[in-house]
Amino acid sequence: MPDYSVIESLCAELDITIAELLDGEEAAESSIRTYDDSQILDLIKRTQALENQRTSLYGLILIIMGFALLILHYLIGGSNVKDIFAGILMGVSIAEMLVGVYLAAMGFGKQK
């Protein structure tokens, strides 16, 4: 799906309506539409905003889970085996936080 800001110009170039673009076929003479182009554009804009918010939310959840694993890393330890598990937890928590920061930045960067 193209960005909602270019859909109108794309439809003007193709000489079709937005509904025809989304349907993938030309409208028949007898078809009746109960919505107009501005409603469709508003719906697409809201859908893209929700997708960006979802990406940001996934990133924030990963960051919080990474901090939880980092705290758990400090609670585990004492013997050689526990230190190995604590090191694994620390590595996983750092990787999880990095992925979370990346996703949050991507989601917040796309929001307008």
C-alpha atoms as a PDB file:
ATOM      1  CA  MET A   1       0.000   0.000   0.000  1.00  0.00           C
ATOM      2  CA  PRO A   2       1.539   3.326  -0.973  1.00  0.00           C
ATOM      3  CA  ASP A   3       1.807   6.140   1.530  1.00  0.00           C
ATOM      4  CA  TYR A   4      -1.537   7.879   1.958  1.00  0.00           C
ATOM      5  CA  SER A   5      -0.080  11.229   0.921  1.00  0.00           C
ATOM      6  CA  VAL A   6       0.612  10.041  -2.652  1.00  0.00           C
ATOM      7  CA  ILE A   7      -2.592   8.099  -3.263  1.00  0.00           C
ATOM      8  CA  GLU A   8      -4.522  11.097  -4.589  1.00  0.00           C
ATOM      9  CA  SER A   9      -1.817  12.035  -7.096  1.00  0.00           C
ATOM     10  CA  LEU A  10      -1.451   8.386  -8.118  1.00  0.00           C
ATOM     11  CA  CYS A  11      -5.187   8.131  -8.794  1.00  0.00           C
ATOM     12  CA  ALA A  12      -5.137  11.397 -10.743  1.00  0.00           C
ATOM     13  CA  GLU A  13      -2.323  10.081 -12.946  1.00  0.00           C
ATOM     14  CA  LEU A  14      -4.107   6.779 -13.514  1.00  0.00           C
ATOM     15  CA  ASP A  15      -7.432   8.564 -14.064  1.00  0.00           C
ATOM     16  CA  ILE A  16      -9.255   6.369 -11.546  1.00  0.00           C
ATOM     17  CA  THR A  17     -10.933   6.931  -8.196  1.00  0.00           C
ATOM     18  CA  ILE A  18      -9.436   5.913  -4.887  1.00  0.00           C
ATOM     19  CA  ALA A  19     -12.132   3.269  -4.463  1.00  0.00           C
ATOM     20  CA  GLU A  20     -11.203   1.763  -7.825  1.00  0.00           C
ATOM     21  CA  LEU A  21      -7.543   1.713  -6.815  1.00  0.00           C
ATOM     22  CA  LEU A  22      -8.298  -0.131  -3.596  1.00  0.00           C
ATOM     23  CA  ASP A  23     -10.800  -2.484  -5.243  1.00  0.00           C
ATOM     24  CA  GLY A  24      -8.345  -3.306  -8.001  1.00  0.00           C
ATOM     25  CA  GLU A  25     -10.959  -2.955 -10.721  1.00  0.00           C
ATOM     26  CA  GLU A  26     -12.951  -0.273 -12.455  1.00  0.00           C
ATOM     27  CA  ALA A  27     -16.326   0.491 -10.952  1.00  0.00           C
ATOM     28  CA  ALA A  28     -19.328  -0.738 -12.886  1.00  0.00           C
ATOM     29  CA  GLU A  29     -21.968   1.744 -13.970  1.00  0.00           C
ATOM     30  CA  SER A  30     -24.553   0.122 -11.704  1.00  0.00           C
ATOM     31  CA  SER A  31     -22.347   0.008  -8.585  1.00  0.00           C
ATOM     32  CA  ILE A  32     -23.239   2.257  -5.688  1.00  0.00           C
ATOM     33  CA  ARG A  33     -20.564   3.503  -3.293  1.00  0.00           C
ATOM     34  CA  THR A  34     -21.568   4.448   0.235  1.00  0.00           C
ATOM     35  CA  TYR A  35     -18.270   6.200   0.951  1.00  0.00           C
ATOM     36  CA  ASP A  36     -16.229   8.920  -0.692  1.00  0.00           C
ATOM     37  CA  ASP A  37     -12.538   9.471  -1.365  1.00  0.00           C
ATOM     38  CA  SER A  38     -11.922  11.593   1.728  1.00  0.00           C
ATOM     39  CA  GLN A  39     -13.286   8.838   3.966  1.00  0.00           C
ATOM     40  CA  ILE A  40     -11.043   6.278   2.318  1.00  0.00           C
ATOM     41  CA  LEU A  41      -7.960   8.512   2.659  1.00  0.00           C
ATOM     42  CA  ASP A  42      -8.765   9.146   6.313  1.00  0.00           C
ATOM     43  CA  LEU A  43      -9.091   5.407   6.921  1.00  0.00           C
ATOM     44  CA  ILE A  44      -5.752   4.697   5.216  1.00  0.00           C
ATOM     45  CA  LYS A  45      -4.057   7.484   7.201  1.00  0.00           C
ATOM     46  CA  ARG A  46      -5.388   6.097  10.477  1.00  0.00           C
ATOM     47  CA  THR A  47      -4.374   2.552   9.560  1.00  0.00           C
ATOM     48  CA  GLN A  48      -0.806   3.608   8.790  1.00  0.00           C
ATOM     49  CA  ALA A  49      -0.627   5.582  12.047  1.00  0.00           C
ATOM     50  CA  LEU A  50      -1.802   2.533  13.997  1.00  0.00           C
ATOM     51  CA  GLU A  51       0.821   0.353  12.313  1.00  0.00           C
ATOM     52  CA  ASN A  52       3.538   2.823  13.327  1.00  0.00           C
ATOM     53  CA  GLN A  53       2.222   2.952  16.887  1.00  0.00           C
ATOM     54  CA  ARG A  54       2.201  -0.844  17.026  1.00  0.00           C
ATOM     55  CA  THR A  55       5.850  -0.956  15.952  1.00  0.00           C
ATOM     56  CA  SER A  56       6.745   1.605  18.618  1.00  0.00           C
ATOM     57  CA  LEU A  57       4.850  -0.369  21.249  1.00  0.00           C
ATOM     58  CA  TYR A  58       6.695  -3.576  20.333  1.00  0.00           C
ATOM     59  CA  GLY A  59       9.969  -1.713  20.702  1.00  0.00           C
ATOM     60  CA  LEU A  60       9.059  -0.333  24.124  1.00  0.00           C
ATOM     61  CA  ILE A  61       7.935  -3.766  25.320  1.00  0.00           C
ATOM     62  CA  LEU A  62      11.254  -5.274  24.211  1.00  0.00           C
ATOM     63  CA  ILE A  63      13.170  -2.554  26.047  1.00  0.00           C
ATOM     64  CA  ILE A  64      11.227  -3.195  29.265  1.00  0.00           C
ATOM     65  CA  MET A  65      11.724  -6.954  28.952  1.00  0.00           C
ATOM     66  CA  GLY A  66      15.433  -6.353  28.364  1.00  0.00           C
ATOM     67  CA  PHE A  67      15.668  -4.348  31.578  1.00  0.00           C
ATOM     68  CA  ALA A  68      13.830  -7.116  33.435  1.00  0.00           C
ATOM     69  CA  LEU A  69      16.325  -9.696  32.163  1.00  0.00           C
ATOM     70  CA  LEU A  70      19.199  -7.392  33.101  1.00  0.00           C
ATOM     71  CA  ILE A  71      17.865  -7.149  36.653  1.00  0.00           C
ATOM     72  CA  LEU A  72      17.476 -10.924  36.734  1.00  0.00           C
ATOM     73  CA  HIS A  73      21.108 -11.195  35.600  1.00  0.00           C
ATOM     74  CA  TYR A  74      22.238  -9.333  38.718  1.00  0.00           C
ATOM     75  CA  LEU A  75      20.110 -11.544  40.973  1.00  0.00           C
ATOM     76  CA  ILE A  76      21.598 -14.767  39.612  1.00  0.00           C
ATOM     77  CA  GLY A  77      25.167 -15.601  40.363  1.00  0.00           C
ATOM     78  CA  GLY A  78      27.468 -17.136  42.896  1.00  0.00           C
ATOM     79  CA  SER A  79      28.632 -20.395  41.369  1.00  0.00           C
ATOM     80  CA  ASN A  80      30.214 -21.185  38.015  1.00  0.00           C
ATOM     81  CA  VAL A  81      27.011 -22.555  36.496  1.00  0.00           C
ATOM     82  CA  LYS A  82      24.947 -19.607  37.776  1.00  0.00           C
ATOM     83  CA  ASP A  83      27.521 -17.188  36.391  1.00  0.00           C
ATOM     84  CA  ILE A  84      27.200 -18.810  32.939  1.00  0.00           C
ATOM     85  CA  PHE A  85      23.418 -18.388  33.021  1.00  0.00           C
ATOM     86  CA  ALA A  86      23.809 -14.833  34.300  1.00  0.00           C
ATOM     87  CA  GLY A  87      26.133 -14.035  31.393  1.00  0.00           C
ATOM     88  CA  ILE A  88      23.695 -15.528  28.901  1.00  0.00           C
ATOM     89  CA  LEU A  89      20.885 -13.467  30.438  1.00  0.00           C
ATOM     90  CA  MET A  90      22.967 -10.317  30.179  1.00  0.00           C
ATOM     91  CA  GLY A  91      23.723 -10.968  26.505  1.00  0.00           C
ATOM     92  CA  VAL A  92      20.081 -11.690  25.699  1.00  0.00           C
ATOM     93  CA  SER A  93      18.931  -8.597  27.594  1.00  0.00           C
ATOM     94  CA  ILE A  94      21.351  -6.326  25.740  1.00  0.00           C
ATOM     95  CA  ALA A  95      20.353  -7.788  22.353  1.00  0.00           C
ATOM     96  CA  GLU A  96      16.672  -7.459  23.244  1.00  0.00           C
ATOM     97  CA  MET A  97      17.079  -3.830  24.290  1.00  0.00           C
ATOM     98  CA  LEU A  98      18.967  -3.001  21.090  1.00  0.00           C
ATOM     99  CA  VAL A  99      16.221  -4.520  18.945  1.00  0.00           C
ATOM    100  CA  GLY A 100      13.655  -2.647  21.059  1.00  0.00           C
ATOM    101  CA  VAL A 101      15.440   0.675  20.564  1.00  0.00           C
ATOM    102  CA  TYR A 102      15.605   0.045  16.816  1.00  0.00           C
ATOM    103  CA  LEU A 103      11.888  -0.803  16.567  1.00  0.00           C
ATOM    104  CA  ALA A 104      10.853   2.134  18.745  1.00  0.00           C
ATOM    105  CA  ALA A 105      12.961   4.521  16.674  1.00  0.00           C
ATOM    106  CA  MET A 106      11.488   3.150  13.435  1.00  0.00           C
ATOM    107  CA  GLY A 107       7.949   3.484  14.759  1.00  0.00           C
ATOM    108  CA  PHE A 108       8.368   6.966  16.208  1.00  0.00           C
ATOM    109  CA  GLY A 109      10.289   8.119  13.124  1.00  0.00           C
ATOM    110  CA  LYS A 110       7.446   7.190  10.780  1.00  0.00           C
ATOM    111  CA  GLN A 111       4.783   8.945  12.848  1.00  0.00           C
ATOM    112  CA  LYS A 112       3.832  12.368  11.547  1.00  0.00           C
END
